[in-house]
Protein backbone atom coordinates (compact mmCIF):
# COMPACT_ATOMS: atom_id res chain seq x y z
CA MET A 1 -24.15 35.35 3.99
CA LYS A 2 -21.13 32.81 4.00
CA LEU A 3 -19.77 34.54 7.29
CA ALA A 4 -23.09 33.91 8.92
CA THR A 5 -23.40 30.11 8.11
CA ASP A 6 -20.03 29.50 9.17
CA TYR A 7 -20.51 31.65 12.21
CA LEU A 8 -23.91 29.59 12.96
CA GLN A 9 -22.25 26.10 11.69
CA LEU A 10 -19.09 26.91 14.35
CA THR A 11 -21.41 28.15 17.38
CA THR A 12 -23.63 24.74 17.06
CA CYS A 13 -20.22 22.82 17.05
CA ASN A 14 -19.19 23.89 19.88
CA LEU A 15 -22.32 23.86 21.90
CA MET A 16 -22.50 20.28 20.81
CA LYS A 17 -19.08 19.43 22.34
CA LYS A 18 -20.10 20.47 25.82
CA ASN A 19 -22.66 18.04 25.72
CA LEU A 20 -21.06 14.81 24.16
CA THR A 21 -24.11 12.52 23.94
CA PHE A 22 -25.91 15.42 22.24
CA TYR A 23 -23.05 16.10 19.94
CA LEU A 24 -22.97 12.44 19.08
CA LEU A 25 -26.82 12.61 18.16
CA LEU A 26 -26.02 15.14 15.59
CA ILE A 27 -22.48 14.42 14.53
CA LEU A 28 -23.58 13.08 11.70
CA ASN A 29 -25.29 15.56 9.92
CA THR A 30 -24.15 19.08 11.35
CA CYS A 31 -20.11 19.44 11.66
CA PHE A 32 -18.95 17.50 8.73
CA SER A 33 -16.48 18.48 6.42
CA GLN A 34 -16.82 15.30 4.60
CA ASP A 35 -16.57 16.23 0.99
CA ILE A 36 -16.98 12.75 -1.16
CA ASN A 37 -16.28 14.43 -4.45
CA TYR A 38 -12.67 16.13 -2.78
CA ALA A 39 -11.79 12.80 -2.07
CA ARG A 40 -12.18 11.47 -5.34
CA GLU A 41 -10.55 14.48 -6.92
CA VAL A 42 -7.52 13.34 -4.33
CA VAL A 43 -7.77 9.60 -5.50
CA GLN A 44 -7.84 10.46 -9.29
CA LYS A 45 -5.24 12.82 -8.84
CA LEU A 46 -2.74 10.51 -7.10
CA ALA A 47 -3.34 7.38 -9.12
CA SER A 48 -2.94 9.91 -12.46
CA PRO A 49 -0.42 8.83 -14.79
CA THR A 50 1.02 12.10 -13.61
CA PHE A 51 2.90 10.31 -10.51
CA LYS A 52 4.15 7.47 -12.29
CA GLY A 53 2.79 5.14 -9.67
CA ARG A 54 3.91 7.11 -6.76
CA GLY A 55 7.38 5.30 -7.13
CA TYR A 56 10.86 5.62 -7.79
CA VAL A 57 11.05 5.91 -11.56
CA GLY A 58 10.70 8.88 -12.86
CA ASN A 59 10.60 11.13 -9.34
CA GLY A 60 6.82 9.44 -9.07
CA ASP A 61 6.80 9.23 -5.13
CA GLY A 62 8.85 13.10 -5.01
CA LEU A 63 5.62 14.44 -6.90
CA ALA A 64 3.24 12.81 -4.70
CA ALA A 65 4.91 14.12 -1.71
CA GLN A 66 4.75 17.69 -3.32
CA TYR A 67 1.02 17.56 -3.71
CA ILE A 68 0.47 15.94 -0.33
CA THR A 69 2.51 18.97 0.73
CA LYS A 70 0.09 21.66 -0.88
CA GLU A 71 -3.06 19.87 0.25
CA PHE A 72 -2.15 19.68 3.69
CA ARG A 73 -0.96 23.64 3.74
CA SER A 74 -4.46 24.36 1.93
CA ASN A 75 -6.23 22.15 4.71
CA GLY A 76 -4.79 24.26 7.40
CA LEU A 77 -2.18 22.05 8.71
CA HIS A 78 1.40 22.92 10.35
CA PRO A 79 4.81 21.79 10.02
CA PHE A 80 6.43 20.45 13.18
CA LYS A 81 9.82 21.71 12.46
CA ASN A 82 9.68 24.36 9.59
CA SER A 83 8.88 21.63 6.65
CA PHE A 84 6.25 19.34 6.46
CA ILE A 85 8.65 17.05 4.85
CA GLN A 86 10.88 14.50 6.48
CA LYS A 87 13.47 13.01 4.42
CA PHE A 88 15.10 9.31 4.72
CA THR A 89 17.03 7.43 2.25
CA THR A 90 16.68 3.82 1.02
CA SER A 91 17.84 1.58 -1.50
CA VAL A 92 15.62 0.20 -4.09
CA ASN A 93 15.61 -1.69 -7.75
CA THR A 94 13.85 -0.20 -10.44
CA PHE A 95 13.13 -0.78 -13.94
CA PRO A 96 13.10 2.90 -15.60
CA GLY A 97 13.44 1.66 -19.13
CA VAL A 98 12.52 -0.97 -21.64
CA VAL A 99 10.66 -3.99 -20.39
CA ARG A 100 10.08 -6.56 -23.03
CA LEU A 101 9.40 -10.56 -23.16
CA ASN A 102 8.70 -12.73 -26.25
CA LEU A 103 8.03 -16.36 -25.63
CA GLY A 104 8.24 -18.94 -28.34
CA GLY A 105 7.70 -16.25 -30.84
CA GLU A 106 4.52 -14.69 -28.95
CA THR A 107 5.11 -10.91 -27.45
CA LEU A 108 3.42 -10.50 -24.08
CA LYS A 109 2.02 -7.48 -22.62
CA PRO A 110 3.82 -6.43 -18.80
CA GLY A 111 1.41 -6.45 -16.20
CA VAL A 112 -1.59 -8.19 -18.11
CA ASP A 113 0.54 -11.28 -19.38
CA PHE A 114 3.58 -11.09 -17.08
CA LEU A 115 5.59 -9.19 -14.39
CA VAL A 116 9.21 -8.61 -13.61
CA ASP A 117 10.26 -10.39 -10.06
CA PRO A 118 11.18 -7.20 -8.69
CA GLY A 119 15.01 -7.93 -7.35
CA SER A 120 15.44 -9.18 -10.93
CA GLN A 121 18.60 -8.15 -12.74
CA GLY A 122 18.38 -6.51 -16.11
CA VAL A 123 19.11 -9.05 -19.07
CA SER A 124 18.73 -8.59 -22.75
CA GLY A 125 19.06 -11.18 -25.61
CA LYS A 126 17.72 -14.37 -27.26
CA PHE A 127 17.92 -17.24 -24.99
CA SER A 128 17.03 -21.14 -25.62
CA THR A 129 15.12 -22.89 -22.90
CA VAL A 130 15.18 -26.31 -19.93
CA ARG A 131 11.86 -26.94 -19.32
CA VAL A 132 11.24 -28.33 -15.19
CA LYS A 133 8.14 -29.72 -14.28
CA LEU A 134 6.98 -30.16 -10.75
CA PRO A 135 7.64 -34.24 -10.26
CA ASP A 136 11.21 -33.45 -11.41
CA ILE A 137 12.45 -31.27 -8.67
CA PHE A 138 11.08 -33.86 -6.40
CA ASP A 139 14.07 -36.22 -8.05
CA LEU A 140 17.43 -34.86 -7.31
CA GLU A 141 18.88 -37.05 -9.80
CA VAL A 142 16.91 -35.52 -12.78
CA LEU A 143 16.90 -32.06 -11.57
CA ARG A 144 20.62 -32.09 -11.30
CA LYS A 145 21.00 -32.94 -15.13
CA LEU A 146 18.09 -30.47 -15.84
CA LEU A 147 20.03 -27.87 -13.95
CA SER A 148 23.65 -29.07 -15.44
CA SER A 149 22.32 -28.39 -19.10
CA SER A 150 20.96 -24.81 -18.29
CA GLN A 151 23.92 -22.68 -18.80
CA GLY A 152 23.05 -19.69 -20.57
CA LYS A 153 19.35 -20.46 -20.90
CA PHE A 154 16.27 -19.86 -19.35
CA ILE A 155 14.79 -22.34 -17.14
CA VAL A 156 11.36 -22.52 -17.21
CA LEU A 157 9.05 -23.77 -14.62
CA ASP A 158 5.55 -25.03 -14.89
CA PRO A 159 2.61 -23.70 -12.71
CA PHE A 160 1.43 -25.57 -10.17
CA ASN A 161 -1.27 -25.17 -7.27
CA ARG A 162 0.07 -25.06 -3.74
CA LYS A 163 -2.98 -27.20 -2.26
CA ASP A 164 -2.01 -30.08 -4.28
CA PHE A 165 1.07 -30.53 -2.57
CA GLU A 166 2.41 -31.59 0.93
CA LYS A 167 4.42 -29.23 3.31
CA GLU A 168 7.39 -31.10 2.80
CA GLN A 169 7.19 -30.90 -0.90
CA LEU A 170 5.98 -27.37 -0.75
CA LYS A 171 9.41 -26.41 1.23
CA GLN A 172 11.37 -28.32 -1.97
CA ILE A 173 9.65 -26.47 -4.45
CA ASP A 174 10.49 -23.08 -2.38
CA ASP A 175 13.75 -24.14 -2.26
CA PHE A 176 14.17 -24.25 -5.85
CA VAL A 177 12.41 -21.12 -6.72
CA ASN A 178 15.07 -19.20 -4.46
CA PHE A 179 17.76 -21.19 -5.81
CA LEU A 180 16.79 -19.87 -9.29
CA LYS A 181 16.73 -16.40 -7.92
CA TYR A 182 18.90 -15.71 -5.23
CA HIS A 183 21.88 -18.29 -5.44
CA PRO A 184 25.39 -17.77 -7.00
CA ASN A 185 25.67 -20.99 -8.32
CA ASN A 186 22.86 -21.01 -10.55
CA ILE A 187 24.82 -20.98 -13.93
CA ALA A 188 21.30 -20.16 -15.81
CA ALA A 189 20.94 -17.04 -17.38
CA GLY A 190 17.46 -16.35 -15.68
CA SER A 191 14.13 -18.33 -14.79
CA ILE A 192 10.28 -18.25 -16.24
CA LEU A 193 7.79 -19.01 -13.42
CA LEU A 194 4.70 -19.77 -14.96
CA THR A 195 1.44 -19.26 -13.15
CA ARG A 196 -2.23 -19.78 -13.27
CA ASN A 197 -2.78 -17.00 -10.60
CA LYS A 198 -3.72 -13.49 -10.34
CA LEU A 199 -0.34 -11.17 -11.02
CA THR A 200 0.64 -9.25 -7.92
CA TRP A 201 3.63 -7.16 -8.07
CA GLY A 202 5.69 -5.77 -5.10
CA GLY A 203 8.99 -3.75 -4.91
CA SER A 204 12.36 -4.96 -3.68
CA THR A 205 15.40 -2.78 -1.87
CA THR A 206 17.96 -5.41 -2.94
CA GLN A 207 19.49 -6.74 -6.29
CA ASN A 208 19.26 -10.76 -7.12
CA PRO A 209 22.15 -12.04 -9.33
CA LYS A 210 19.48 -13.37 -12.08
CA PRO A 211 16.30 -12.07 -13.87
CA THR A 212 13.04 -13.77 -12.80
CA PHE A 213 9.53 -13.50 -14.89
CA ILE A 214 6.53 -14.31 -13.81
CA VAL A 215 4.19 -15.77 -16.54
CA LYS A 216 0.47 -15.90 -16.86
CA VAL A 217 -0.73 -18.85 -18.55
CA ASP A 218 -3.97 -20.64 -19.02
CA ALA A 219 -3.04 -24.33 -18.97
CA ASP A 220 0.01 -26.13 -18.36
CA ALA A 221 1.10 -26.85 -22.05
CA PHE A 222 2.42 -23.34 -22.95
CA PRO A 223 4.96 -24.09 -25.44
CA ILE A 224 8.21 -22.22 -24.72
CA ASP A 225 11.19 -22.94 -26.89
CA THR A 226 12.72 -19.62 -26.97
CA VAL A 227 12.89 -16.85 -24.63
CA GLU A 228 13.71 -13.03 -26.48
CA VAL A 229 14.17 -10.29 -23.53
CA ARG A 230 15.16 -6.86 -22.51
CA LEU A 231 14.76 -5.69 -19.38
CA ASP A 232 16.52 -2.38 -18.29
CA GLN A 233 17.15 -2.06 -14.97
CA VAL A 234 19.09 0.28 -12.34
CA PHE A 235 19.83 -0.25 -8.75
CA ILE A 236 20.04 2.69 -6.79
CA ASN A 237 22.04 2.53 -3.24
CA LYS A 238 20.88 5.58 -1.94
CA TYR A 239 17.66 6.64 -2.93
CA GLN A 240 16.14 9.61 -0.76
CA THR A 241 12.26 9.55 -0.40
CA GLN A 242 10.06 11.37 2.20
CA ASN A 243 7.40 11.58 4.62
CA VAL A 244 5.08 14.33 4.77
CA VAL A 245 3.98 15.03 8.43
CA GLY A 246 1.67 17.99 9.98
CA TYR A 247 -0.81 18.84 12.50
CA ILE A 248 -3.49 20.70 13.73
CA LYS A 249 -3.31 22.21 17.09
CA GLY A 250 -6.40 20.86 19.67
CA GLN A 251 -8.48 22.00 22.57
CA ASN A 252 -5.88 19.71 24.60
CA THR A 253 -2.10 20.08 23.64
CA ASP A 254 -0.93 17.20 26.55
CA SER A 255 -2.03 14.29 23.90
CA LEU A 256 -2.02 13.42 20.37
CA VAL A 257 -4.51 11.85 17.83
CA VAL A 258 -2.10 10.61 15.28
CA PHE A 259 -4.13 9.68 11.57
CA THR A 260 -1.48 7.84 9.15
CA ALA A 261 -1.63 6.43 5.77
CA HIS A 262 0.95 5.55 3.11
CA TYR A 263 0.94 7.45 0.04
CA ASP A 264 3.92 5.23 -2.19
CA HIS A 265 2.76 2.73 -4.65
CA LEU A 266 4.46 0.41 -6.35
CA GLY A 267 5.70 2.65 -9.45
CA MET A 268 6.56 1.87 -12.91
CA MET A 269 7.66 -1.52 -14.35
CA GLY A 270 9.27 -0.15 -17.25
CA ASN A 271 8.40 2.81 -19.17
CA GLU A 272 5.12 2.16 -20.36
CA THR A 273 3.36 -0.05 -17.36
CA VAL A 274 2.32 2.01 -14.57
CA PHE A 275 0.87 0.68 -11.29
CA PRO A 276 -1.91 3.42 -10.18
CA GLY A 277 -2.27 2.32 -6.58
CA ALA A 278 -5.92 3.98 -6.60
CA ASN A 279 -7.13 1.76 -3.51
CA ASP A 280 -3.76 1.12 -2.28
CA ASN A 281 -3.38 3.71 -1.07
CA ALA A 282 -4.49 7.22 -2.68
CA SER A 283 -7.64 6.13 -1.16
CA GLY A 284 -6.19 6.15 2.52
CA ILE A 285 -4.10 9.85 1.68
CA ALA A 286 -7.67 10.77 0.73
CA MET A 287 -9.12 9.66 4.13
CA LEU A 288 -6.41 11.69 5.61
CA MET A 289 -7.14 14.78 3.47
CA ASN A 290 -10.92 14.77 4.32
CA LEU A 291 -9.98 14.55 8.10
CA ALA A 292 -8.05 17.32 8.19
CA ARG A 293 -10.93 19.33 6.75
CA GLN A 294 -12.68 18.45 9.33
CA TYR A 295 -10.24 19.47 11.97
CA ARG A 296 -9.42 22.80 10.23
CA SER A 297 -13.29 23.63 10.57
CA ASN A 298 -14.08 22.25 13.79
CA GLN A 299 -10.98 22.56 16.09
CA PRO A 300 -10.29 18.85 17.40
CA LYS A 301 -10.20 18.10 21.21
CA TYR A 302 -6.98 16.69 20.61
CA SER A 303 -3.69 17.97 18.83
CA THR A 304 -3.98 15.70 15.64
CA ALA A 305 -0.85 14.85 13.46
CA PHE A 306 -1.43 13.47 9.88
CA ILE A 307 1.29 11.36 8.61
CA ALA A 308 1.57 10.41 4.82
CA PHE A 309 4.52 7.68 5.17
CA GLY A 310 7.10 7.00 1.98
CA GLY A 311 8.49 3.93 1.26
CA GLU A 312 5.55 1.48 3.02
CA GLU A 313 5.37 -1.31 -0.18
CA ILE A 314 9.24 -2.07 0.14
CA GLY A 315 8.85 -2.20 3.91
CA LEU A 316 7.91 -0.15 6.22
CA LEU A 317 10.27 1.85 5.91
CA GLY A 318 9.26 5.81 6.22
CA SER A 319 7.10 4.45 9.07
CA GLN A 320 10.28 2.77 10.84
CA TYR A 321 12.21 5.79 9.93
CA PHE A 322 9.52 7.88 12.00
CA VAL A 323 9.68 6.28 15.26
CA GLU A 324 13.59 6.44 14.96
CA ASN A 325 13.69 9.66 14.69
CA PRO A 326 10.20 11.01 15.71
CA LEU A 327 9.22 14.85 15.50
CA PHE A 328 6.65 14.35 19.14
CA GLU A 329 7.28 12.36 21.48
CA LEU A 330 5.62 8.95 20.72
CA GLU A 331 4.89 8.82 24.48
CA LYS A 332 2.07 11.77 23.67
CA ILE A 333 0.48 9.71 21.34
CA LYS A 334 -3.37 8.82 23.21
CA PHE A 335 -4.42 6.73 19.68
CA LEU A 336 -3.35 6.35 16.51
CA ILE A 337 -5.40 5.30 13.17
CA ASN A 338 -3.39 3.91 10.19
CA PHE A 339 -5.56 3.89 7.10
CA ASP A 340 -5.13 1.30 3.84
CA LEU A 341 -7.20 -0.06 1.36
CA SER A 342 -9.85 2.86 2.28
CA GLY A 343 -11.84 2.33 -1.08
CA THR A 344 -14.59 -0.23 -1.02
CA GLY A 345 -16.42 -1.39 2.43
CA ASP A 346 -19.07 -3.06 0.83
CA ASP A 347 -18.59 -5.90 3.69
CA GLY A 348 -17.61 -3.31 6.04
CA ILE A 349 -14.07 -2.74 7.63
CA GLN A 350 -11.34 -5.18 9.31
CA VAL A 351 -9.93 -3.59 12.73
CA VAL A 352 -6.09 -4.91 12.91
CA ASN A 353 -5.45 -4.47 16.72
CA GLY A 354 -9.19 -5.10 17.54
CA SER A 355 -8.67 -7.90 19.99
CA VAL A 356 -5.71 -5.91 21.68
CA TYR A 357 -7.57 -3.22 22.10
CA ARG A 358 -10.99 -4.41 22.86
CA GLU A 359 -12.71 -1.09 24.53
CA GLN A 360 -11.72 0.60 21.90
CA PHE A 361 -12.89 -1.75 18.96
CA ASP A 362 -15.86 -2.33 21.48
CA GLN A 363 -16.62 1.64 21.15
CA LEU A 364 -16.05 1.41 17.30
CA VAL A 365 -18.74 -1.18 17.16
CA GLU A 366 -21.29 0.41 19.04
CA LEU A 367 -21.12 4.02 17.52
CA ASN A 368 -21.33 2.16 13.84
CA GLU A 369 -24.45 0.28 15.16
CA GLU A 370 -25.90 3.28 16.80
CA TYR A 371 -25.81 5.31 13.84
CA ASP A 372 -26.02 2.12 11.14
CA LEU A 373 -23.11 3.39 9.22
CA LEU A 374 -20.99 0.31 7.84
CA PRO A 375 -22.54 -3.34 7.04
CA GLN A 376 -19.73 -4.37 9.63
CA VAL A 377 -17.13 -3.62 12.06
CA LYS A 378 -14.62 -6.89 12.04
CA ILE A 379 -11.95 -7.93 14.54
CA ARG A 380 -8.96 -8.70 14.33
CA GLY A 381 -5.89 -9.23 16.05
CA GLU A 382 -2.32 -7.74 15.81
CA ALA A 383 -0.39 -8.21 12.78
CA CYS A 384 2.68 -6.04 11.65
CA ASN A 385 1.10 -5.50 7.82
CA SER A 386 1.27 -1.81 7.43
CA ASP A 387 2.54 1.21 9.33
CA HIS A 388 0.89 1.06 12.29
CA CYS A 389 3.58 -2.21 13.44
CA LEU A 390 6.28 -0.28 14.00
CA PHE A 391 3.99 2.46 16.46
CA TYR A 392 2.45 -0.22 18.23
CA ARG A 393 5.89 -1.94 18.87
CA ARG A 394 6.92 1.28 20.56
CA GLY A 395 3.67 0.73 22.74
CA VAL A 396 1.51 3.36 21.01
CA PRO A 397 -2.48 2.53 21.00
CA SER A 398 -3.07 2.03 17.71
CA PHE A 399 -5.73 0.60 14.71
CA PHE A 400 -4.95 -0.36 11.27
CA ILE A 401 -8.21 -0.42 9.17
CA TYR A 402 -8.91 -1.36 6.04
CA THR A 403 -12.22 -1.65 3.73
CA LEU A 404 -13.70 -5.35 3.10
CA GLY A 405 -15.54 -6.57 -0.28
CA GLY A 406 -15.85 -4.57 -3.71
CA ILE A 407 -13.58 -4.72 -6.54
CA GLN A 408 -10.33 -7.62 -5.82
CA ALA A 409 -7.66 -5.08 -7.63
CA TYR A 410 -4.60 -4.99 -5.89
CA HIS A 411 -1.01 -4.54 -6.34
CA ASP A 412 -1.80 -4.81 -10.07
CA ILE A 413 -2.26 -2.13 -12.85
CA TYR A 414 -5.76 -2.83 -12.48
CA ASP A 415 -6.29 -0.49 -9.40
CA LYS A 416 -7.46 2.74 -10.93
CA ALA A 417 -9.46 5.89 -9.81
CA GLU A 418 -11.79 5.25 -12.23
CA THR A 419 -13.17 1.57 -11.01
CA LEU A 420 -12.72 2.36 -7.43
CA PRO A 421 -16.21 2.92 -5.84
CA LEU A 422 -15.68 4.67 -2.43
CA THR A 423 -18.66 2.42 -1.66
CA GLU A 424 -18.83 3.53 1.85
CA PHE A 425 -16.32 6.47 1.93
CA GLU A 426 -18.50 8.90 3.58
CA ASP A 427 -19.81 6.59 6.38
CA TYR A 428 -16.32 5.50 6.96
CA PHE A 429 -15.32 8.88 7.62
CA ARG A 430 -18.26 9.72 9.77
CA LEU A 431 -17.53 6.37 12.07
CA MET A 432 -13.41 7.62 12.59
CA VAL A 433 -15.02 11.56 13.64
CA ALA A 434 -17.18 10.00 16.04
CA PHE A 435 -14.69 7.39 17.03
CA VAL A 436 -12.31 9.94 17.87
CA GLU A 437 -14.73 12.29 19.93
CA GLY A 438 -15.12 9.93 22.15
CA LEU A 439 -11.74 9.02 23.12
C-alpha cells in the first residue's frame, strides 16, 4: 500500500512540474515532505545539554557536526568530496571550568545576573574596588586619580543609558571601556560593568589583557566594596572545527541552488551555564533538514547544496573558509538562501538583500500573498550580518532571511527548545519551496 501511495505522489509531482501554474496551485498541499514534528526534533536535539551549546567547550561543535552529518546522510544527501565534513581551524577563547562571581558578599548566578566578557583573561581571588561614576569619565583629573588608585583592584563602572549622552560623550565612555578591557597600561586587576540592559553574550577569537564582567542591576546604588571571583579560562590557538556540506542531484546539473544555515552557537560559560541556541540557529538547521527531506522525495529542478556552517558566531569563519576553499564553483550558484533565526514568524520574515535582488524579492511577496502564508515579507537592503555575506561579496545572488516577532530570547540562556514556538515554520517552508521552484 505504501509503495502505491509513494508512486502516486511521485507521479503527481512529476506531472505538476510540467505545468508551473498548475504546480504552484497545488504545491501547498501535495508535494511536501515538510514535517513540523521532525523540525521540533532537530531543534530539541541540537539545543539539548548533550550538545553543550554547540560551542568550543567539551567538543560541543563537533558533536553537533556529527549529528548533522548523520541526518544529511539519512535525508539522502551526498558529499561533494568523499566526506560531508570540511575542516578548518580558528583561535578561540573559552571558559571550560569554574565561573563564579561574588559582589559585596552576594553570589551571583552566571547567565542570569552576569556575563563574562568573551575575551576575558582568567582570574581568581578577592579584590577591593574603585567605583567610577559616569561624570568621572568626563573629568580627566578625577579619572586620572581614580585610575592611579586602582592597582590590584577591580574598577566598577556605573550603569548608563546611551540615549542620555551626546555623541562625543558616548565616544569618551566607549574609549574608557575599551581602555579597561584592552589597554596594557591598565593597572587594575579587572573591571565590573554594571548594566540595566538585557544580558547578551558572544564569542571571541582573541584574549584580552584583563577580565571583565557585565553585571545586571536594577538600580544605580548597588553597593560593591569587594569582588570575589574565580574564572577558569583557556585560550586555544588552533581549534579544529568544521562545516558540514552535502547535495542532492537535480534535473539541471549546470546550476546550483544553495541553502545555508550556521549550526554553531555560544557554547558554555563555565562548566554549568549553557547557551542552548534553539532559535539561533538550531531552527535554521531544522529548515535545512526539512528542505533536504523535501528534495529527497521530489527531485529538485536544480542540483541543490546544503551547507551547515561552523564558526558563524565568532566572525562568519565557516562561510569565509568555504568561499576561499569552495567545494563547487561559486559561479554555478543560481541563488543562495541563508536561514538564521527561523523559529518564530509572528510578524513575518525579513529579507536581507531584498532591495538588491528586487525581482526575486517581488516574487517572494507575490507567492506569499497568493497563498496567504506569512503575515508579511519585509524588505531590507544589504547587510553583512550572517553567512550569506561572504558569498554576496563574491557576486553570488543571495538572500538572508530571518523570522520576526515572538519570543525575544537571543544570545542568552533562555533561547531554549521548549519555549521556541516555530509559529510560522510550516508556511515559511512552503514559501521557500514555491520560491525555489519558480527560479
